[in-house]
Amino acid sequence: DEMNQAARDVVKKIGYEQDGFHWENMAVENHVHGQSAEIAQGVEAGQGLHQEEGAGDQGIMFGYATDETPELMPATLVYSHQIL
């Protein structure tokens, strides 16, 4: 797979070649999958119920639930939003 090979190439380039961790036989977990048809329908112009709409696939998802803040988001994310 192209993404797994890219990960191996980066590790090789930065020089990780040691017992227990080597770019040739390291474990690479790839959880990337295609976009669901339901999401694609909502973000691609010319598709779905409202064909004039389409935002493009521009979202970034960040975070996890934590008790660091009242918002239940990581403190780094909450504080960075407050600065802006």
Protein backbone atom coordinates (compact mmCIF):
# COMPACT_ATOMS: atom_id res chain seq x y z
CA ASP A 1 0.00 0.00 0.00
CA GLU A 2 1.26 3.45 -0.95
CA MET A 3 0.71 5.10 2.46
CA ASN A 4 2.40 2.28 4.35
CA GLN A 5 5.39 2.51 2.04
CA ALA A 6 5.53 6.29 2.54
CA ALA A 7 5.70 5.74 6.32
CA ARG A 8 8.51 3.21 5.90
CA ASP A 9 10.40 5.56 3.56
CA VAL A 10 10.26 8.40 6.11
CA VAL A 11 11.49 6.17 8.94
CA LYS A 12 14.30 4.92 6.69
CA LYS A 13 15.21 8.49 5.67
CA ILE A 14 15.55 9.67 9.28
CA GLY A 15 17.74 6.68 10.05
CA TYR A 16 15.82 4.26 12.26
CA GLU A 17 17.64 0.97 11.85
CA GLN A 18 17.99 -0.69 15.24
CA ASP A 19 17.06 -3.91 17.00
CA GLY A 20 13.36 -3.96 17.80
CA PHE A 21 12.48 -1.15 15.41
CA HIS A 22 13.56 -1.17 11.78
CA TRP A 23 11.91 0.48 8.80
CA GLU A 24 11.86 -2.80 6.85
CA ASN A 25 9.79 -4.77 9.35
CA MET A 26 8.05 -2.17 11.52
CA ALA A 27 4.31 -2.50 12.03
CA VAL A 28 2.32 0.12 10.15
CA GLU A 29 -1.36 0.54 11.00
CA ASN A 30 -3.37 2.33 8.35
CA HIS A 31 -6.98 3.18 9.24
CA VAL A 32 -7.67 5.46 6.27
CA HIS A 33 -10.79 4.56 4.32
CA GLY A 34 -12.91 6.05 1.60
CA GLN A 35 -15.49 8.71 2.37
CA SER A 36 -19.03 7.49 2.94
CA ALA A 37 -21.57 8.17 0.21
CA GLU A 38 -23.73 10.08 2.71
CA ILE A 39 -20.96 12.55 3.54
CA ALA A 40 -19.88 12.89 -0.08
CA GLN A 41 -23.46 13.71 -1.05
CA GLY A 42 -23.51 16.60 1.42
CA VAL A 43 -20.20 18.16 0.48
CA GLU A 44 -19.88 17.73 -3.28
CA ALA A 45 -21.58 20.30 -5.49
CA GLY A 46 -24.13 18.93 -7.91
CA GLN A 47 -25.04 15.90 -5.80
CA GLY A 48 -27.76 15.22 -3.27
CA LEU A 49 -31.11 16.90 -2.70
CA HIS A 50 -29.79 20.46 -2.99
CA GLN A 51 -27.56 20.30 -6.03
CA GLU A 52 -26.55 23.96 -5.86
CA GLU A 53 -24.90 23.38 -2.49
CA GLY A 54 -21.54 21.83 -1.87
CA ALA A 55 -18.90 22.81 0.62
CA GLY A 56 -16.08 20.64 -0.59
CA ASP A 57 -14.40 18.22 1.75
CA GLN A 58 -12.55 20.74 3.91
CA GLY A 59 -13.16 19.66 7.48
CA ILE A 60 -10.57 18.97 10.12
CA MET A 61 -11.57 16.90 13.11
CA PHE A 62 -9.51 17.24 16.28
CA GLY A 63 -9.97 16.21 19.83
CA TYR A 64 -11.25 13.66 22.21
CA ALA A 65 -13.39 13.74 25.34
CA THR A 66 -11.47 14.73 28.45
CA ASP A 67 -12.19 16.39 31.77
CA GLU A 68 -9.42 18.97 31.34
CA THR A 69 -11.94 21.72 30.54
CA PRO A 70 -15.66 22.39 31.07
CA GLU A 71 -16.11 21.91 27.30
CA LEU A 72 -14.78 18.34 27.67
CA MET A 73 -12.15 19.07 25.04
CA PRO A 74 -8.34 19.08 25.33
CA ALA A 75 -7.03 22.20 27.05
CA THR A 76 -4.68 22.95 24.16
CA LEU A 77 -7.61 23.18 21.75
CA VAL A 78 -9.79 25.29 24.07
CA TYR A 79 -6.98 27.73 24.86
CA SER A 80 -5.94 28.06 21.22
CA HIS A 81 -9.52 28.95 20.31
CA GLN A 82 -9.65 31.54 23.09
CA ILE A 83 -6.50 33.21 21.77
CA LEU A 84 -8.08 33.62 18.34
